[in-house]
Protein backbone atom coordinates (compact mmCIF):
# COMPACT_ATOMS: atom_id res chain seq x y z
CA MET A 1 77.54 -33.16 -41.13
CA ASP A 2 78.81 -29.80 -40.05
CA GLY A 3 75.55 -28.55 -39.04
CA VAL A 4 74.11 -28.91 -42.23
CA VAL A 5 70.52 -30.79 -41.92
CA ALA A 6 70.12 -33.89 -44.00
CA ALA A 7 66.34 -34.19 -43.56
CA GLU A 8 63.53 -32.96 -41.25
CA SER A 9 59.95 -33.44 -40.50
CA VAL A 10 57.82 -30.83 -38.89
CA CYS A 11 54.62 -31.07 -36.76
CA LEU A 12 52.82 -27.56 -36.24
CA GLU A 13 49.70 -29.16 -34.90
CA PRO A 14 49.24 -27.97 -31.11
CA ARG A 15 49.39 -30.57 -28.38
CA ARG A 16 50.41 -33.31 -30.95
CA GLN A 17 54.23 -33.04 -31.08
CA ALA A 18 54.44 -35.43 -27.75
CA SER A 19 52.43 -38.17 -29.34
CA LEU A 20 54.21 -37.71 -32.61
CA THR A 21 57.58 -37.67 -31.53
CA ALA A 22 58.66 -41.36 -32.26
CA PRO A 23 56.85 -41.47 -35.62
CA LEU A 24 58.73 -38.19 -36.64
CA VAL A 25 62.10 -39.67 -35.52
CA LYS A 26 61.58 -42.77 -37.52
CA GLU A 27 60.28 -40.72 -40.59
CA VAL A 28 63.54 -38.44 -40.37
CA LEU A 29 65.81 -41.46 -40.29
CA ASP A 30 64.12 -42.90 -43.23
CA LYS A 31 64.29 -39.76 -45.33
CA ALA A 32 68.01 -39.53 -44.60
CA GLY A 33 68.64 -43.28 -45.37
CA VAL A 34 70.06 -44.05 -41.93
CA GLY A 35 69.62 -45.86 -38.75
CA VAL A 36 70.21 -44.65 -34.99
CA LYS A 37 73.46 -46.54 -34.72
CA ASP A 38 74.66 -44.74 -37.90
CA CYS A 39 74.42 -41.19 -35.97
CA ASP A 40 77.24 -39.71 -34.08
CA ALA A 41 75.09 -38.22 -31.38
CA ILE A 42 71.69 -37.61 -30.42
CA ALA A 43 70.51 -33.97 -29.87
CA VAL A 44 67.52 -32.87 -28.00
CA SER A 45 65.98 -29.49 -26.93
CA ALA A 46 66.77 -28.82 -23.36
CA GLY A 47 64.11 -26.41 -22.21
CA PRO A 48 62.71 -24.46 -20.67
CA GLY A 49 59.11 -25.08 -21.94
CA SER A 50 56.11 -27.27 -21.68
CA TYR A 51 56.81 -29.73 -19.01
CA THR A 52 55.05 -32.55 -21.04
CA GLY A 53 56.76 -31.88 -24.13
CA LEU A 54 60.29 -31.58 -22.46
CA ARG A 55 59.58 -34.91 -20.63
CA VAL A 56 58.61 -37.01 -23.77
CA GLY A 57 61.15 -35.18 -26.05
CA VAL A 58 64.26 -35.88 -23.39
CA SER A 59 62.91 -39.33 -22.63
CA THR A 60 62.87 -40.33 -26.30
CA ALA A 61 66.39 -38.96 -27.07
CA LYS A 62 67.80 -40.53 -23.83
CA GLY A 63 65.96 -43.93 -25.07
CA LEU A 64 67.67 -43.64 -28.44
CA ALA A 65 71.08 -42.73 -27.29
CA PHE A 66 71.16 -45.41 -24.67
CA GLY A 67 70.13 -48.04 -27.26
CA ALA A 68 72.27 -47.35 -29.81
CA GLY A 69 75.36 -46.41 -27.39
CA LYS A 70 75.43 -42.66 -28.62
CA PRO A 71 76.22 -39.68 -26.61
CA LEU A 72 73.45 -37.34 -25.69
CA ILE A 73 73.73 -33.66 -26.43
CA ALA A 74 71.11 -30.96 -24.88
CA VAL A 75 70.63 -27.59 -26.42
CA GLY A 76 68.91 -24.60 -24.55
CA THR A 77 65.63 -24.03 -26.40
CA LEU A 78 66.21 -20.16 -26.23
CA ASP A 79 69.44 -20.79 -27.98
CA ILE A 80 67.74 -22.79 -30.72
CA LEU A 81 65.04 -19.76 -31.06
CA VAL A 82 68.33 -17.24 -31.27
CA ALA A 83 69.99 -19.30 -33.74
CA GLY A 84 66.99 -19.09 -36.32
CA VAL A 85 67.20 -15.24 -36.36
CA ALA A 86 68.59 -13.94 -39.33
CA PRO A 87 72.01 -12.05 -38.91
CA GLY A 88 71.70 -8.39 -38.39
CA SER A 89 68.26 -8.38 -37.30
CA ALA A 90 68.60 -6.21 -34.48
CA GLY A 91 71.26 -5.07 -31.82
CA CYS A 92 69.84 -7.14 -29.34
CA ILE A 93 67.77 -10.51 -29.50
CA VAL A 94 65.35 -11.34 -26.81
CA PRO A 95 63.74 -14.90 -27.21
CA MET A 96 60.33 -15.63 -25.75
CA LEU A 97 58.71 -18.70 -24.95
CA ASP A 98 55.02 -18.56 -24.04
CA ALA A 99 54.36 -19.47 -20.18
CA ARG A 100 50.94 -18.29 -19.34
CA ARG A 101 49.04 -15.18 -19.50
CA MET A 102 51.66 -12.33 -19.63
CA GLU A 103 54.64 -14.44 -18.83
CA VAL A 104 57.44 -15.85 -20.75
CA TYR A 105 60.64 -17.65 -20.50
CA THR A 106 63.40 -15.42 -21.81
CA ALA A 107 66.73 -13.95 -21.75
CA VAL A 108 68.69 -11.33 -23.49
CA TYR A 109 71.20 -11.98 -26.42
CA ASN A 110 73.35 -9.96 -28.34
CA ALA A 111 73.35 -9.79 -32.05
CA GLY A 112 75.98 -12.45 -32.17
CA GLY A 113 73.79 -14.93 -30.15
CA GLU A 114 75.76 -14.86 -26.80
CA ARG A 115 73.40 -14.83 -23.87
CA LEU A 116 73.98 -11.80 -21.59
CA THR A 117 71.31 -12.59 -18.81
CA PRO A 118 70.20 -15.25 -16.87
CA ILE A 119 67.13 -17.33 -18.22
CA GLU A 120 64.01 -16.56 -16.33
CA ALA A 121 60.07 -16.81 -15.91
CA LYS A 122 59.25 -13.10 -16.61
CA VAL A 123 55.87 -11.09 -16.52
CA ILE A 124 56.17 -8.83 -19.15
CA THR A 125 55.09 -5.21 -18.45
CA ALA A 126 55.48 -1.68 -20.04
CA ASP A 127 58.93 -1.37 -18.54
CA SER A 128 60.28 -4.72 -19.34
CA PHE A 129 63.49 -4.50 -21.34
CA SER A 130 63.57 -0.71 -21.02
CA GLU A 131 67.31 -0.57 -20.68
CA GLU A 132 67.98 -2.52 -23.65
CA LEU A 133 65.09 -0.82 -25.86
CA SER A 134 66.78 2.46 -25.06
CA ARG A 135 70.07 1.48 -26.48
CA GLY A 136 68.54 0.56 -29.88
CA PRO A 137 66.38 -2.01 -31.86
CA VAL A 138 65.65 -5.20 -30.11
CA LEU A 139 63.96 -8.10 -31.87
CA PHE A 140 61.46 -10.03 -29.83
CA VAL A 141 61.21 -13.56 -31.32
CA GLY A 142 59.45 -16.79 -30.17
CA ASP A 143 55.72 -17.89 -29.72
CA GLY A 144 55.49 -15.66 -26.70
CA ALA A 145 56.62 -12.46 -28.63
CA LEU A 146 53.34 -11.27 -30.10
CA LYS A 147 51.36 -11.40 -27.11
CA CYS A 148 53.79 -8.95 -25.57
CA GLN A 149 53.37 -6.55 -28.64
CA ALA A 150 50.47 -4.55 -27.14
CA VAL A 151 52.71 -4.04 -23.95
CA LEU A 152 56.11 -3.30 -25.40
CA THR A 153 55.29 -0.30 -27.41
CA HIS A 154 58.75 1.46 -27.68
CA PRO A 155 59.86 2.31 -31.20
CA ASN A 156 62.77 0.27 -31.13
CA ALA A 157 60.95 -3.05 -30.39
CA ARG A 158 60.59 -5.47 -33.33
CA PHE A 159 58.53 -8.74 -32.85
CA GLN A 160 58.83 -12.01 -34.92
CA GLU A 161 56.84 -15.24 -34.21
CA ALA A 162 58.76 -18.23 -34.41
CA LEU A 163 59.13 -21.93 -32.86
CA PRO A 164 62.31 -23.58 -31.78
CA MET A 165 62.98 -25.58 -34.92
CA ALA A 166 65.44 -28.72 -35.13
CA ARG A 167 67.02 -27.28 -38.32
CA ASP A 168 68.35 -24.38 -36.33
CA MET A 169 69.70 -26.63 -33.43
CA ALA A 170 72.17 -28.42 -35.95
CA ARG A 171 74.90 -26.06 -35.80
CA LEU A 172 74.61 -25.62 -32.07
CA ALA A 173 74.57 -29.52 -31.75
CA GLN A 174 77.44 -29.90 -34.09
CA LYS A 175 79.47 -27.35 -32.07
CA ALA A 176 78.69 -29.08 -28.84
CA TYR A 177 79.68 -32.63 -30.38
CA GLU A 178 83.10 -31.17 -31.35
CA GLU A 179 83.77 -29.66 -27.88
CA GLY A 180 82.64 -33.10 -26.36
CA LYS A 181 79.88 -31.19 -24.38
CA PHE A 182 77.83 -34.61 -23.50
CA GLU A 183 75.18 -35.27 -20.83
CA ASP A 184 75.23 -38.00 -18.42
CA LEU A 185 72.43 -40.33 -19.82
CA ALA A 186 71.59 -41.58 -16.22
CA TYR A 187 71.38 -38.30 -14.49
CA TYR A 188 70.22 -35.72 -17.26
CA GLU A 189 66.83 -33.88 -16.55
CA PRO A 190 65.43 -31.05 -19.00
CA PHE A 191 65.57 -27.66 -17.75
CA TYR A 192 62.25 -26.97 -16.69
CA LEU A 193 62.76 -23.46 -14.95
CA LYS A 194 59.70 -23.92 -13.00
CA ASP A 195 58.19 -26.58 -10.85
CA PHE A 196 55.41 -28.72 -12.39
CA VAL A 197 52.27 -28.17 -10.73
CA ALA A 198 49.43 -30.78 -10.88
CA THR A 199 45.96 -29.05 -11.07
CA VAL A 200 42.28 -30.62 -10.68
CA SER A 201 40.06 -30.39 -13.80
CA LYS A 202 36.75 -28.42 -13.14
CA THR A 203 35.39 -30.57 -16.16
CA LYS A 204 32.94 -33.11 -14.59
CA LEU A 205 33.48 -36.70 -15.97
CA TRP A 206 30.12 -38.12 -14.74
């Protein structure tokens, strides 16, 4: 209610979130003492991010919303990261979700959490975000931030490792609910940003 978290369950084990999504949902509902039908809406992280993770998360959320007859709310994953930053941490906030090598999913936000640039998959170099860094402190936050620390050496650069957490999504989801920003259950897809590419494993099974 009003963006306040009533209960939460957190899994920090790599590659296990997808398989534990449904059990964690049940655990949270049990902690809060409610059922899905008691909720006003179902909120889910919209992406960008892991193809499998987004697919599982959105499929689960759509199933819950459809089964209970509740609206679906999608909240941008980078927005969630920014919402978890303490006010006044920096004049500029750059959330970074790890992609691969020196690539991250990112965008530039002001101190108030307003997105200023399009979301993109960006390969980080020594010149990245030079304009923002020249103007003052910039906080790079997310699971892709620390790997960029050796490249972004400007004295105004600050780094904070973090994950997008459901608790930081609550206020954003509440706002979307009040504004009636709901997704079409039949056609909604996660924001993958990049196309999924299937690869052939180099490991021989026999």
